[in-house]
Amino acid sequence: MPTLTHRIIFTLLLSFFLSVLMTLWVTYINLGVSSHFLLDWGKAFILAWPAAAVISFFSAPIAQKLTTKLIS
């Protein structure tokens, strides 16, 4: 069983990686590359990361339990 510290650090790292990639991709799809692309992407990332972190923190244990049930 991971410690709370492990769970928090894992959640922050995973949500960071996912937020970077997803906001970059969705910003590109919606707006394309422009002179203000990095600013638009940065705004999206700043809004997305906290939400992704909270969602990941609470949904990860559920996903782990579902995974265990699916593979057993």
N, C-alpha and C. Protein backbone atom coordinates (compact mmCIF):
# COMPACT_ATOMS: atom_id res chain seq x y z
N MET A 1 0.86 -1.19 0.00
CA MET A 1 0.00 0.00 0.00
C MET A 1 0.89 1.24 0.00
N PRO A 2 0.74 2.10 -1.00
CA PRO A 2 1.56 3.32 -1.05
C PRO A 2 1.24 4.27 0.10
N THR A 3 2.25 4.98 0.53
CA THR A 3 2.04 5.97 1.57
C THR A 3 1.32 7.17 0.97
N LEU A 4 0.80 8.04 1.83
CA LEU A 4 0.12 9.24 1.36
C LEU A 4 1.09 10.13 0.59
N THR A 5 2.32 10.23 1.04
CA THR A 5 3.33 11.03 0.32
C THR A 5 3.55 10.48 -1.07
N HIS A 6 3.69 9.16 -1.18
CA HIS A 6 3.86 8.52 -2.49
C HIS A 6 2.67 8.81 -3.39
N ARG A 7 1.49 8.69 -2.85
CA ARG A 7 0.26 8.92 -3.63
C ARG A 7 0.17 10.36 -4.12
N ILE A 8 0.52 11.31 -3.27
CA ILE A 8 0.47 12.73 -3.65
C ILE A 8 1.49 13.04 -4.74
N ILE A 9 2.72 12.58 -4.56
CA ILE A 9 3.77 12.84 -5.56
C ILE A 9 3.41 12.18 -6.89
N PHE A 10 2.96 10.93 -6.84
CA PHE A 10 2.55 10.22 -8.06
C PHE A 10 1.42 10.98 -8.76
N THR A 11 0.43 11.42 -7.99
CA THR A 11 -0.70 12.16 -8.55
C THR A 11 -0.24 13.45 -9.21
N LEU A 12 0.64 14.19 -8.55
CA LEU A 12 1.13 15.44 -9.12
C LEU A 12 1.91 15.22 -10.41
N LEU A 13 2.77 14.21 -10.42
CA LEU A 13 3.56 13.93 -11.62
C LEU A 13 2.69 13.45 -12.78
N LEU A 14 1.81 12.51 -12.52
CA LEU A 14 0.96 11.98 -13.58
C LEU A 14 0.04 13.07 -14.12
N SER A 15 -0.57 13.84 -13.24
CA SER A 15 -1.47 14.90 -13.70
C SER A 15 -0.71 15.99 -14.44
N PHE A 16 0.55 16.24 -14.05
CA PHE A 16 1.38 17.22 -14.76
C PHE A 16 1.62 16.75 -16.20
N PHE A 17 2.09 15.51 -16.35
CA PHE A 17 2.38 14.99 -17.68
C PHE A 17 1.12 14.97 -18.56
N LEU A 18 0.03 14.48 -18.02
CA LEU A 18 -1.20 14.43 -18.78
C LEU A 18 -1.70 15.82 -19.14
N SER A 19 -1.63 16.75 -18.20
CA SER A 19 -2.10 18.11 -18.47
C SER A 19 -1.26 18.80 -19.53
N VAL A 20 0.06 18.64 -19.45
CA VAL A 20 0.94 19.23 -20.47
C VAL A 20 0.56 18.71 -21.84
N LEU A 21 0.49 17.41 -21.98
CA LEU A 21 0.25 16.82 -23.30
C LEU A 21 -1.16 17.07 -23.81
N MET A 22 -2.15 16.92 -22.95
CA MET A 22 -3.53 17.09 -23.40
C MET A 22 -3.84 18.54 -23.74
N THR A 23 -3.40 19.49 -22.92
CA THR A 23 -3.68 20.89 -23.22
C THR A 23 -2.91 21.35 -24.46
N LEU A 24 -1.70 20.83 -24.63
CA LEU A 24 -0.92 21.16 -25.82
C LEU A 24 -1.65 20.65 -27.07
N TRP A 25 -2.11 19.42 -27.03
CA TRP A 25 -2.80 18.80 -28.15
C TRP A 25 -4.13 19.52 -28.46
N VAL A 26 -4.94 19.74 -27.43
CA VAL A 26 -6.25 20.35 -27.64
C VAL A 26 -6.10 21.82 -28.07
N THR A 27 -5.13 22.53 -27.54
CA THR A 27 -4.90 23.90 -27.98
C THR A 27 -4.50 23.91 -29.45
N TYR A 28 -3.64 23.00 -29.83
CA TYR A 28 -3.22 22.90 -31.24
C TYR A 28 -4.42 22.57 -32.14
N ILE A 29 -5.23 21.60 -31.73
CA ILE A 29 -6.39 21.20 -32.53
C ILE A 29 -7.38 22.35 -32.68
N ASN A 30 -7.64 23.05 -31.59
CA ASN A 30 -8.65 24.10 -31.62
C ASN A 30 -8.17 25.40 -32.25
N LEU A 31 -6.91 25.77 -32.02
CA LEU A 31 -6.44 27.09 -32.44
C LEU A 31 -5.34 27.05 -33.49
N GLY A 32 -4.69 25.90 -33.65
CA GLY A 32 -3.56 25.83 -34.56
C GLY A 32 -2.36 26.57 -33.98
N VAL A 33 -1.29 26.60 -34.75
CA VAL A 33 -0.07 27.29 -34.31
C VAL A 33 -0.18 28.75 -34.74
N SER A 34 0.01 29.64 -33.77
CA SER A 34 -0.03 31.07 -34.05
C SER A 34 1.06 31.75 -33.23
N SER A 35 1.13 33.05 -33.37
CA SER A 35 2.15 33.79 -32.63
C SER A 35 1.89 33.77 -31.12
N HIS A 36 0.66 33.51 -30.71
CA HIS A 36 0.33 33.46 -29.28
C HIS A 36 -0.03 32.05 -28.81
N PHE A 37 0.43 31.05 -29.56
CA PHE A 37 0.14 29.66 -29.23
C PHE A 37 0.61 29.30 -27.82
N LEU A 38 1.85 29.65 -27.48
CA LEU A 38 2.39 29.28 -26.16
C LEU A 38 1.62 29.96 -25.03
N LEU A 39 1.19 31.19 -25.25
CA LEU A 39 0.38 31.88 -24.24
C LEU A 39 -0.97 31.20 -24.07
N ASP A 40 -1.62 30.87 -25.17
CA ASP A 40 -2.90 30.16 -25.11
C ASP A 40 -2.76 28.80 -24.44
N TRP A 41 -1.71 28.08 -24.82
CA TRP A 41 -1.47 26.76 -24.21
C TRP A 41 -1.19 26.91 -22.72
N GLY A 42 -0.37 27.89 -22.36
CA GLY A 42 -0.04 28.11 -20.95
C GLY A 42 -1.27 28.39 -20.10
N LYS A 43 -2.17 29.19 -20.61
CA LYS A 43 -3.42 29.47 -19.87
C LYS A 43 -4.23 28.20 -19.68
N ALA A 44 -4.33 27.40 -20.74
CA ALA A 44 -5.08 26.14 -20.65
C ALA A 44 -4.43 25.20 -19.63
N PHE A 45 -3.11 25.13 -19.66
CA PHE A 45 -2.40 24.25 -18.73
C PHE A 45 -2.60 24.68 -17.28
N ILE A 46 -2.50 25.99 -17.02
CA ILE A 46 -2.65 26.50 -15.65
C ILE A 46 -4.03 26.18 -15.11
N LEU A 47 -5.03 26.20 -15.96
CA LEU A 47 -6.39 25.85 -15.52
C LEU A 47 -6.58 24.35 -15.38
N ALA A 48 -5.92 23.59 -16.25
CA ALA A 48 -6.15 22.14 -16.28
C ALA A 48 -5.41 21.37 -15.19
N TRP A 49 -4.18 21.77 -14.88
CA TRP A 49 -3.39 20.95 -13.97
C TRP A 49 -4.02 20.79 -12.59
N PRO A 50 -4.48 21.85 -11.93
CA PRO A 50 -5.10 21.63 -10.62
C PRO A 50 -6.32 20.71 -10.69
N ALA A 51 -7.13 20.89 -11.71
CA ALA A 51 -8.30 20.02 -11.86
C ALA A 51 -7.88 18.58 -12.08
N ALA A 52 -6.89 18.37 -12.94
CA ALA A 52 -6.40 17.02 -13.22
C ALA A 52 -5.81 16.38 -11.97
N ALA A 53 -5.13 17.17 -11.15
CA ALA A 53 -4.52 16.64 -9.92
C ALA A 53 -5.59 16.16 -8.95
N VAL A 54 -6.61 16.96 -8.76
CA VAL A 54 -7.70 16.58 -7.84
C VAL A 54 -8.44 15.35 -8.36
N ILE A 55 -8.77 15.38 -9.65
CA ILE A 55 -9.47 14.24 -10.24
C ILE A 55 -8.63 12.97 -10.15
N SER A 56 -7.33 13.08 -10.43
CA SER A 56 -6.44 11.92 -10.36
C SER A 56 -6.32 11.39 -8.94
N PHE A 57 -6.23 12.28 -7.98
CA PHE A 57 -6.07 11.86 -6.58
C PHE A 57 -7.25 11.00 -6.14
N PHE A 58 -8.45 11.42 -6.51
CA PHE A 58 -9.63 10.69 -6.06
C PHE A 58 -10.02 9.52 -6.96
N SER A 59 -9.65 9.58 -8.23
CA SER A 59 -10.04 8.50 -9.13
C SER A 59 -9.01 7.37 -9.22
N ALA A 60 -7.76 7.63 -8.87
CA ALA A 60 -6.72 6.60 -8.98
C ALA A 60 -7.05 5.35 -8.16
N PRO A 61 -7.48 5.47 -6.91
CA PRO A 61 -7.80 4.25 -6.16
C PRO A 61 -8.94 3.45 -6.80
N ILE A 62 -9.91 4.15 -7.37
CA ILE A 62 -11.02 3.47 -8.04
C ILE A 62 -10.49 2.73 -9.27
N ALA A 63 -9.65 3.40 -10.05
CA ALA A 63 -9.08 2.78 -11.24
C ALA A 63 -8.22 1.57 -10.88
N GLN A 64 -7.48 1.66 -9.77
CA GLN A 64 -6.66 0.54 -9.33
C GLN A 64 -7.53 -0.65 -8.95
N LYS A 65 -8.62 -0.40 -8.24
CA LYS A 65 -9.52 -1.49 -7.85
C LYS A 65 -10.19 -2.12 -9.07
N LEU A 66 -10.63 -1.29 -10.01
CA LEU A 66 -11.25 -1.81 -11.22
C LEU A 66 -10.26 -2.63 -12.04
N THR A 67 -9.01 -2.17 -12.12
CA THR A 67 -7.98 -2.89 -12.84
C THR A 67 -7.75 -4.27 -12.22
N THR A 68 -7.68 -4.30 -10.90
CA THR A 68 -7.48 -5.56 -10.20
C THR A 68 -8.62 -6.53 -10.48
N LYS A 69 -9.85 -6.02 -10.49
CA LYS A 69 -11.00 -6.88 -10.78
C LYS A 69 -10.99 -7.35 -12.23
N LEU A 70 -10.61 -6.48 -13.15
CA LEU A 70 -10.63 -6.86 -14.57
C LEU A 70 -9.58 -7.90 -14.92
N ILE A 71 -8.43 -7.85 -14.27
CA ILE A 71 -7.38 -8.80 -14.65
C ILE A 71 -7.41 -10.08 -13.83
N SER A 72 -8.26 -10.14 -12.83
CA SER A 72 -8.30 -11.38 -12.03
C SER A 72 -9.40 -12.31 -12.51
